[in-house]
C-alpha cells in the first residue's frame, strides 16, 4: 500500500471513525490508516485521511487552519450547541438587518476565548467530555482560545444565518454559534456545517465516500496524494 493522504467528502451522519473503518477495509491487512482531525456526525465536507507513514504527520496537519461554511439558527439553545441536540430554551429573534449581522460577525474575530462544548472529545481526567454529558455528570467548564481570521455573511432569512468562517485549528464552530446567540440575546445553535478546506487542501479535490467504496482499492490508490502535494 503506497503512503500518502486522501481527501474525502464526509457525508452527514457518519463519524470520522466510520470513514476510517470503511477505507481500512479497502487496504491490505495491517495498513495504518488515520485522519488529521475529526468532523462531527452532523457535519459534512473535507476529511483528510492518512495512510502508512503519512499517519506520522497527523498532528502537523491537524494544526492547519480551516475554512467552514454553514448556518446558525437564532432563537434556540440546545444541549449540544447544534440542532442534533435536545432544545433547552427558545426565545424570539429580534429584527435584524444584514448590516447589523455583518457588523456582529466582524466584531467576533481575532483571538476569542470560548467554552468548549460539553459534547466534545476534549478530555477531563482522561475521559472525553461527551462521556460525562451523556451520563448527566457535571464537569468543570473548559475554555479554549480560538483564532478567527474572518467571517462572511452569506445570507440572512430569519431565523437562519448562513456564513463562511476562516479559523485556526481547534475552533469549535458550535461555540461560535452560541457566542453569536449570546451577543444577540436570543440564543443560537449550529444548524449546518461543511468543511471547505484544511490548510491549502480544498474540498474540491475530495472524493465522495460512495465512489471510493464502489471503486475499491485501485480507485483509492489513484486518489492518494503525497504529503508535499498541497496546492499553492
C-alpha atoms as a PDB file:
ATOM      1  CA  UNK A   1       0.000   0.000   0.000  1.00  0.00           C
ATOM      2  CA  UNK A   2       1.544   3.376  -1.006  1.00  0.00           C
ATOM      3  CA  UNK A   3       1.799   6.040   1.640  1.00  0.00           C
ATOM      4  CA  UNK A   4       0.085   9.387   1.265  1.00  0.00           C
ATOM      5  CA  UNK A   5      -3.081  11.269   2.040  1.00  0.00           C
ATOM      6  CA  UNK A   6      -6.599  11.015   0.711  1.00  0.00           C
ATOM      7  CA  UNK A   7      -9.148  13.816   0.648  1.00  0.00           C
ATOM      8  CA  UNK A   8     -12.663  12.566   1.361  1.00  0.00           C
ATOM      9  CA  UNK A   9     -16.005  14.380   1.322  1.00  0.00           C
ATOM     10  CA  UNK A  10     -17.585  13.046   4.511  1.00  0.00           C
ATOM     11  CA  UNK A  11     -21.366  12.589   4.305  1.00  0.00           C
ATOM     12  CA  UNK A  12     -23.763  13.683   7.043  1.00  0.00           C
ATOM     13  CA  UNK A  13     -24.434  11.152   9.784  1.00  0.00           C
ATOM     14  CA  UNK A  14     -21.032   9.483   9.568  1.00  0.00           C
ATOM     15  CA  UNK A  15     -18.358   9.796  12.243  1.00  0.00           C
ATOM     16  CA  UNK A  16     -14.750  10.290  11.185  1.00  0.00           C
ATOM     17  CA  UNK A  17     -14.027   6.858  12.675  1.00  0.00           C
ATOM     18  CA  UNK A  18     -16.751   5.334  10.465  1.00  0.00           C
ATOM     19  CA  UNK A  19     -14.989   6.687   7.367  1.00  0.00           C
ATOM     20  CA  UNK A  20     -11.605   5.359   8.513  1.00  0.00           C
ATOM     21  CA  UNK A  21     -13.141   1.921   9.147  1.00  0.00           C
ATOM     22  CA  UNK A  22     -14.645   1.748   5.645  1.00  0.00           C
ATOM     23  CA  UNK A  23     -11.411   2.740   3.908  1.00  0.00           C
ATOM     24  CA  UNK A  24      -9.327   0.426   6.059  1.00  0.00           C
ATOM     25  CA  UNK A  25     -11.287  -2.475   4.537  1.00  0.00           C
ATOM     26  CA  UNK A  26     -10.024  -1.390   1.086  1.00  0.00           C
ATOM     27  CA  UNK A  27      -6.363  -1.674   2.108  1.00  0.00           C
ATOM     28  CA  UNK A  28      -4.142  -4.684   2.827  1.00  0.00           C
ATOM     29  CA  UNK A  29      -4.490  -6.089   6.332  1.00  0.00           C
ATOM     30  CA  UNK A  30      -2.372  -4.210   8.858  1.00  0.00           C
ATOM     31  CA  UNK A  31      -2.188  -0.968   6.835  1.00  0.00           C
ATOM     32  CA  UNK A  32      -2.017   2.096   9.062  1.00  0.00           C
ATOM     33  CA  UNK A  33      -4.929   4.441   8.391  1.00  0.00           C
ATOM     34  CA  UNK A  34      -5.719   7.612  10.344  1.00  0.00           C
ATOM     35  CA  UNK A  35      -7.118  11.104   9.935  1.00  0.00           C
ATOM     36  CA  UNK A  36      -5.946  14.620  10.702  1.00  0.00           C
ATOM     37  CA  UNK A  37      -8.935  15.995  12.577  1.00  0.00           C
ATOM     38  CA  UNK A  38     -12.483  14.859  13.277  1.00  0.00           C
ATOM     39  CA  UNK A  39     -15.762  16.175  11.941  1.00  0.00           C
ATOM     40  CA  UNK A  40     -18.953  15.871  13.973  1.00  0.00           C
ATOM     41  CA  UNK A  41     -21.529  13.422  12.556  1.00  0.00           C
ATOM     42  CA  UNK A  42     -23.857  16.312  11.655  1.00  0.00           C
ATOM     43  CA  UNK A  43     -21.086  17.996   9.632  1.00  0.00           C
ATOM     44  CA  UNK A  44     -20.089  17.248   6.052  1.00  0.00           C
ATOM     45  CA  UNK A  45     -17.051  18.077   3.988  1.00  0.00           C
ATOM     46  CA  UNK A  46     -13.319  17.654   3.910  1.00  0.00           C
ATOM     47  CA  UNK A  47     -11.760  14.868   5.919  1.00  0.00           C
ATOM     48  CA  UNK A  48      -8.033  14.250   5.395  1.00  0.00           C
ATOM     49  CA  UNK A  49      -7.170  10.535   5.627  1.00  0.00           C
ATOM     50  CA  UNK A  50      -3.573   9.403   6.096  1.00  0.00           C
ATOM     51  CA  UNK A  51      -2.030   6.105   5.031  1.00  0.00           C
ATOM     52  CA  UNK A  52       1.104   4.216   6.127  1.00  0.00           C
ATOM     53  CA  UNK A  53       3.978   6.566   7.136  1.00  0.00           C
ATOM     54  CA  UNK A  54       1.870   9.643   6.402  1.00  0.00           C
ATOM     55  CA  UNK A  55      -0.002   8.925   9.658  1.00  0.00           C
ATOM     56  CA  UNK A  56       3.033  10.369  11.471  1.00  0.00           C
ATOM     57  CA  UNK A  57       2.064  13.796  10.112  1.00  0.00           C
ATOM     58  CA  UNK A  58      -1.404  13.762  11.678  1.00  0.00           C
ATOM     59  CA  UNK A  59      -0.588  16.319  14.377  1.00  0.00           C
ATOM     60  CA  UNK A  60       1.039  18.710  11.889  1.00  0.00           C
ATOM     61  CA  UNK A  61      -1.927  18.561   9.521  1.00  0.00           C
ATOM     62  CA  UNK A  62      -4.380  18.889  12.401  1.00  0.00           C
ATOM     63  CA  UNK A  63      -2.756  22.219  13.258  1.00  0.00           C
ATOM     64  CA  UNK A  64      -3.556  23.766   9.876  1.00  0.00           C
ATOM     65  CA  UNK A  65      -6.207  26.499   9.597  1.00  0.00           C
ATOM     66  CA  UNK A  66      -9.686  25.567   8.373  1.00  0.00           C
ATOM     67  CA  UNK A  67     -12.489  27.071   6.297  1.00  0.00           C
ATOM     68  CA  UNK A  68     -16.103  26.189   7.111  1.00  0.00           C
ATOM     69  CA  UNK A  69     -19.452  27.214   5.702  1.00  0.00           C
ATOM     70  CA  UNK A  70     -22.753  26.577   7.385  1.00  0.00           C
ATOM     71  CA  UNK A  71     -25.789  28.069   9.044  1.00  0.00           C
ATOM     72  CA  UNK A  72     -26.782  29.215  12.510  1.00  0.00           C
ATOM     73  CA  UNK A  73     -30.355  29.127  13.795  1.00  0.00           C
ATOM     74  CA  UNK A  74     -31.174  32.034  16.078  1.00  0.00           C
ATOM     75  CA  UNK A  75     -33.690  31.890  18.909  1.00  0.00           C
ATOM     76  CA  UNK A  76     -32.845  28.430  20.203  1.00  0.00           C
ATOM     77  CA  UNK A  77     -30.407  26.808  22.614  1.00  0.00           C
ATOM     78  CA  UNK A  78     -29.627  23.082  22.694  1.00  0.00           C
ATOM     79  CA  UNK A  79     -27.647  20.680  24.870  1.00  0.00           C
ATOM     80  CA  UNK A  80     -25.068  20.071  22.139  1.00  0.00           C
ATOM     81  CA  UNK A  81     -24.940  23.608  20.642  1.00  0.00           C
ATOM     82  CA  UNK A  82     -26.238  22.191  17.348  1.00  0.00           C
ATOM     83  CA  UNK A  83     -29.658  21.170  16.106  1.00  0.00           C
ATOM     84  CA  UNK A  84     -28.957  17.481  16.716  1.00  0.00           C
ATOM     85  CA  UNK A  85     -29.272  18.113  20.457  1.00  0.00           C
ATOM     86  CA  UNK A  86     -32.255  18.500  22.758  1.00  0.00           C
ATOM     87  CA  UNK A  87     -33.683  22.031  22.785  1.00  0.00           C
ATOM     88  CA  UNK A  88     -33.217  23.615  26.205  1.00  0.00           C
ATOM     89  CA  UNK A  89     -34.565  27.135  25.577  1.00  0.00           C
ATOM     90  CA  UNK A  90     -36.270  29.228  22.920  1.00  0.00           C
ATOM     91  CA  UNK A  91     -36.613  32.991  22.552  1.00  0.00           C
ATOM     92  CA  UNK A  92     -37.955  35.489  19.999  1.00  0.00           C
ATOM     93  CA  UNK A  93     -35.475  36.517  17.319  1.00  0.00           C
ATOM     94  CA  UNK A  94     -35.051  40.309  17.179  1.00  0.00           C
ATOM     95  CA  UNK A  95     -35.479  42.236  13.939  1.00  0.00           C
ATOM     96  CA  UNK A  96     -32.000  42.295  12.429  1.00  0.00           C
ATOM     97  CA  UNK A  97     -30.595  43.793   9.256  1.00  0.00           C
ATOM     98  CA  UNK A  98     -27.828  42.272   7.162  1.00  0.00           C
ATOM     99  CA  UNK A  99     -25.614  45.237   8.073  1.00  0.00           C
ATOM    100  CA  UNK A 100     -26.147  44.599  11.802  1.00  0.00           C
ATOM    101  CA  UNK A 101     -25.256  40.932  11.429  1.00  0.00           C
ATOM    102  CA  UNK A 102     -22.191  41.709   9.308  1.00  0.00           C
ATOM    103  CA  UNK A 103     -21.002  44.124  11.992  1.00  0.00           C
ATOM    104  CA  UNK A 104     -21.523  41.486  14.675  1.00  0.00           C
ATOM    105  CA  UNK A 105     -19.557  38.842  12.782  1.00  0.00           C
ATOM    106  CA  UNK A 106     -16.783  41.350  12.065  1.00  0.00           C
ATOM    107  CA  UNK A 107     -16.528  42.024  15.804  1.00  0.00           C
ATOM    108  CA  UNK A 108     -16.094  38.316  16.580  1.00  0.00           C
ATOM    109  CA  UNK A 109     -12.659  37.942  15.014  1.00  0.00           C
ATOM    110  CA  UNK A 110      -9.144  37.632  16.361  1.00  0.00           C
ATOM    111  CA  UNK A 111      -8.364  35.519  19.420  1.00  0.00           C
ATOM    112  CA  UNK A 112     -11.625  34.542  21.133  1.00  0.00           C
ATOM    113  CA  UNK A 113     -11.851  32.690  24.440  1.00  0.00           C
ATOM    114  CA  UNK A 114     -14.900  30.427  24.443  1.00  0.00           C
ATOM    115  CA  UNK A 115     -16.168  27.451  26.450  1.00  0.00           C
ATOM    116  CA  UNK A 116     -15.571  24.029  24.947  1.00  0.00           C
ATOM    117  CA  UNK A 117     -18.900  22.311  24.130  1.00  0.00           C
ATOM    118  CA  UNK A 118     -19.973  19.766  26.745  1.00  0.00           C
ATOM    119  CA  UNK A 119     -20.480  17.272  23.947  1.00  0.00           C
ATOM    120  CA  UNK A 120     -16.900  17.218  22.643  1.00  0.00           C
ATOM    121  CA  UNK A 121     -13.891  14.904  22.653  1.00  0.00           C
ATOM    122  CA  UNK A 122     -11.830  17.205  24.886  1.00  0.00           C
ATOM    123  CA  UNK A 123     -10.637  15.186  27.871  1.00  0.00           C
ATOM    124  CA  UNK A 124     -11.352  15.659  31.578  1.00  0.00           C
ATOM    125  CA  UNK A 125      -9.459  13.296  33.871  1.00  0.00           C
ATOM    126  CA  UNK A 126      -8.742  11.034  30.929  1.00  0.00           C
ATOM    127  CA  UNK A 127     -12.299  10.769  29.619  1.00  0.00           C
ATOM    128  CA  UNK A 128     -13.955  12.778  26.806  1.00  0.00           C
ATOM    129  CA  UNK A 129     -16.446  15.415  27.897  1.00  0.00           C
ATOM    130  CA  UNK A 130     -19.240  13.812  25.842  1.00  0.00           C
ATOM    131  CA  UNK A 131     -18.958  10.725  28.038  1.00  0.00           C
ATOM    132  CA  UNK A 132     -19.781  12.775  31.154  1.00  0.00           C
ATOM    133  CA  UNK A 133     -22.513  14.749  29.346  1.00  0.00           C
ATOM    134  CA  UNK A 134     -24.302  11.617  28.143  1.00  0.00           C
ATOM    135  CA  UNK A 135     -24.375  10.309  31.717  1.00  0.00           C
ATOM    136  CA  UNK A 136     -25.563  13.622  33.162  1.00  0.00           C
ATOM    137  CA  UNK A 137     -22.349  14.159  35.137  1.00  0.00           C
ATOM    138  CA  UNK A 138     -21.302  17.783  35.626  1.00  0.00           C
ATOM    139  CA  UNK A 139     -17.684  18.719  34.871  1.00  0.00           C
ATOM    140  CA  UNK A 140     -15.753  21.980  35.301  1.00  0.00           C
ATOM    141  CA  UNK A 141     -16.119  24.316  32.335  1.00  0.00           C
ATOM    142  CA  UNK A 142     -13.158  24.125  30.000  1.00  0.00           C
ATOM    143  CA  UNK A 143     -12.284  27.144  27.885  1.00  0.00           C
ATOM    144  CA  UNK A 144     -10.172  27.445  24.768  1.00  0.00           C
ATOM    145  CA  UNK A 145      -8.733  30.393  22.869  1.00  0.00           C
ATOM    146  CA  UNK A 146      -9.546  30.099  19.162  1.00  0.00           C
ATOM    147  CA  UNK A 147      -8.311  32.218  16.282  1.00  0.00           C
ATOM    148  CA  UNK A 148     -10.978  33.530  13.918  1.00  0.00           C
ATOM    149  CA  UNK A 149      -9.475  35.237  10.886  1.00  0.00           C
ATOM    150  CA  UNK A 150     -12.694  36.306   9.170  1.00  0.00           C
ATOM    151  CA  UNK A 151     -16.461  35.753   8.911  1.00  0.00           C
ATOM    152  CA  UNK A 152     -18.518  36.209   5.764  1.00  0.00           C
ATOM    153  CA  UNK A 153     -22.286  36.598   5.958  1.00  0.00           C
ATOM    154  CA  UNK A 154     -23.668  34.619   3.012  1.00  0.00           C
ATOM    155  CA  UNK A 155     -27.386  35.179   3.601  1.00  0.00           C
ATOM    156  CA  UNK A 156     -29.946  36.055   6.273  1.00  0.00           C
ATOM    157  CA  UNK A 157     -33.525  34.870   6.382  1.00  0.00           C
ATOM    158  CA  UNK A 158     -34.768  34.785   9.966  1.00  0.00           C
ATOM    159  CA  UNK A 159     -34.071  32.647  11.897  1.00  0.00           C
ATOM    160  CA  UNK A 160     -31.260  31.219   9.689  1.00  0.00           C
ATOM    161  CA  UNK A 161     -27.931  32.966   9.186  1.00  0.00           C
ATOM    162  CA  UNK A 162     -25.629  31.439   6.558  1.00  0.00           C
ATOM    163  CA  UNK A 163     -21.895  32.084   6.896  1.00  0.00           C
ATOM    164  CA  UNK A 164     -18.347  31.198   5.886  1.00  0.00           C
ATOM    165  CA  UNK A 165     -15.592  31.373   8.503  1.00  0.00           C
ATOM    166  CA  UNK A 166     -11.790  31.161   8.259  1.00  0.00           C
ATOM    167  CA  UNK A 167     -10.433  29.966  11.595  1.00  0.00           C
ATOM    168  CA  UNK A 168      -7.495  28.372  13.336  1.00  0.00           C
ATOM    169  CA  UNK A 169      -7.120  24.763  14.357  1.00  0.00           C
ATOM    170  CA  UNK A 170      -9.182  23.638  17.324  1.00  0.00           C
ATOM    171  CA  UNK A 171     -12.026  26.093  16.773  1.00  0.00           C
ATOM    172  CA  UNK A 172     -15.440  24.730  17.707  1.00  0.00           C
ATOM    173  CA  UNK A 173     -17.881  26.334  15.273  1.00  0.00           C
ATOM    174  CA  UNK A 174     -20.670  25.229  17.626  1.00  0.00           C
ATOM    175  CA  UNK A 175     -19.137  27.534  20.247  1.00  0.00           C
ATOM    176  CA  UNK A 176     -19.040  30.363  17.712  1.00  0.00           C
ATOM    177  CA  UNK A 177     -22.739  29.815  17.017  1.00  0.00           C
ATOM    178  CA  UNK A 178     -23.511  30.007  20.740  1.00  0.00           C
ATOM    179  CA  UNK A 179     -21.432  33.186  21.000  1.00  0.00           C
ATOM    180  CA  UNK A 180     -23.492  34.814  18.234  1.00  0.00           C
ATOM    181  CA  UNK A 181     -26.681  33.890  20.102  1.00  0.00           C
ATOM    182  CA  UNK A 182     -25.271  35.248  23.355  1.00  0.00           C
ATOM    183  CA  UNK A 183     -24.369  38.579  21.763  1.00  0.00           C
ATOM    184  CA  UNK A 184     -27.857  38.893  20.257  1.00  0.00           C
ATOM    185  CA  UNK A 185     -29.555  37.831  23.492  1.00  0.00           C
ATOM    186  CA  UNK A 186     -31.785  35.207  21.881  1.00  0.00           C
ATOM    187  CA  UNK A 187     -29.539  32.144  21.861  1.00  0.00           C
ATOM    188  CA  UNK A 188     -28.384  30.207  18.803  1.00  0.00           C
ATOM    189  CA  UNK A 189     -27.320  26.762  17.672  1.00  0.00           C
ATOM    190  CA  UNK A 190     -25.425  25.458  14.676  1.00  0.00           C
ATOM    191  CA  UNK A 191     -27.861  24.062  12.100  1.00  0.00           C
ATOM    192  CA  UNK A 192     -25.456  23.002   9.329  1.00  0.00           C
ATOM    193  CA  UNK A 193     -21.692  22.775   8.845  1.00  0.00           C
ATOM    194  CA  UNK A 194     -19.443  21.918   5.908  1.00  0.00           C
ATOM    195  CA  UNK A 195     -15.622  21.940   5.987  1.00  0.00           C
ATOM    196  CA  UNK A 196     -14.349  23.503   2.773  1.00  0.00           C
ATOM    197  CA  UNK A 197     -10.587  23.478   3.328  1.00  0.00           C
ATOM    198  CA  UNK A 198      -7.801  22.233   5.599  1.00  0.00           C
ATOM    199  CA  UNK A 199      -4.767  24.440   5.090  1.00  0.00           C
ATOM    200  CA  UNK A 200      -4.304  24.518   1.302  1.00  0.00           C
ATOM    201  CA  UNK A 201      -6.149  21.226   0.735  1.00  0.00           C
ATOM    202  CA  UNK A 202      -9.550  22.090  -0.826  1.00  0.00           C
ATOM    203  CA  UNK A 203     -12.836  20.225  -0.677  1.00  0.00           C
ATOM    204  CA  UNK A 204     -12.979  20.446  -4.485  1.00  0.00           C
ATOM    205  CA  UNK A 205     -10.185  17.824  -4.643  1.00  0.00           C
ATOM    206  CA  UNK A 206     -12.013  15.379  -2.360  1.00  0.00           C
ATOM    207  CA  UNK A 207     -13.550  12.080  -3.450  1.00  0.00           C
ATOM    208  CA  UNK A 208     -17.033  11.082  -2.377  1.00  0.00           C
ATOM    209  CA  UNK A 209     -17.152   8.167   0.035  1.00  0.00           C
ATOM    210  CA  UNK A 210     -19.639   6.258  -2.151  1.00  0.00           C
ATOM    211  CA  UNK A 211     -17.255   6.480  -5.131  1.00  0.00           C
ATOM    212  CA  UNK A 212     -14.360   5.198  -3.031  1.00  0.00           C
ATOM    213  CA  UNK A 213     -16.393   2.233  -1.810  1.00  0.00           C
ATOM    214  CA  UNK A 214     -17.525   1.407  -5.340  1.00  0.00           C
ATOM    215  CA  UNK A 215     -14.098   1.875  -6.883  1.00  0.00           C
ATOM    216  CA  UNK A 216     -12.258  -0.296  -4.390  1.00  0.00           C
ATOM    217  CA  UNK A 217      -8.526  -0.408  -3.663  1.00  0.00           C
ATOM    218  CA  UNK A 218      -7.410   0.601  -7.156  1.00  0.00           C
ATOM    219  CA  UNK A 219      -9.537   3.775  -7.151  1.00  0.00           C
ATOM    220  CA  UNK A 220      -8.399   4.622  -3.609  1.00  0.00           C
ATOM    221  CA  UNK A 221      -4.734   4.350  -4.605  1.00  0.00           C
ATOM    222  CA  UNK A 222      -5.329   6.506  -7.686  1.00  0.00           C
ATOM    223  CA  UNK A 223      -6.633   9.299  -5.411  1.00  0.00           C
ATOM    224  CA  UNK A 224      -3.706   9.248  -2.966  1.00  0.00           C
ATOM    225  CA  UNK A 225      -1.586  12.410  -2.790  1.00  0.00           C
ATOM    226  CA  UNK A 226       1.932  12.756  -1.422  1.00  0.00           C
ATOM    227  CA  UNK A 227       2.127  14.980   1.657  1.00  0.00           C
ATOM    228  CA  UNK A 228       4.051  17.652  -0.243  1.00  0.00           C
ATOM    229  CA  UNK A 229       1.370  17.864  -2.949  1.00  0.00           C
ATOM    230  CA  UNK A 230      -0.714  20.572  -1.281  1.00  0.00           C
ATOM    231  CA  UNK A 231      -1.693  23.185  -3.888  1.00  0.00           C
ATOM    232  CA  UNK A 232      -0.150  26.637  -3.546  1.00  0.00           C
END
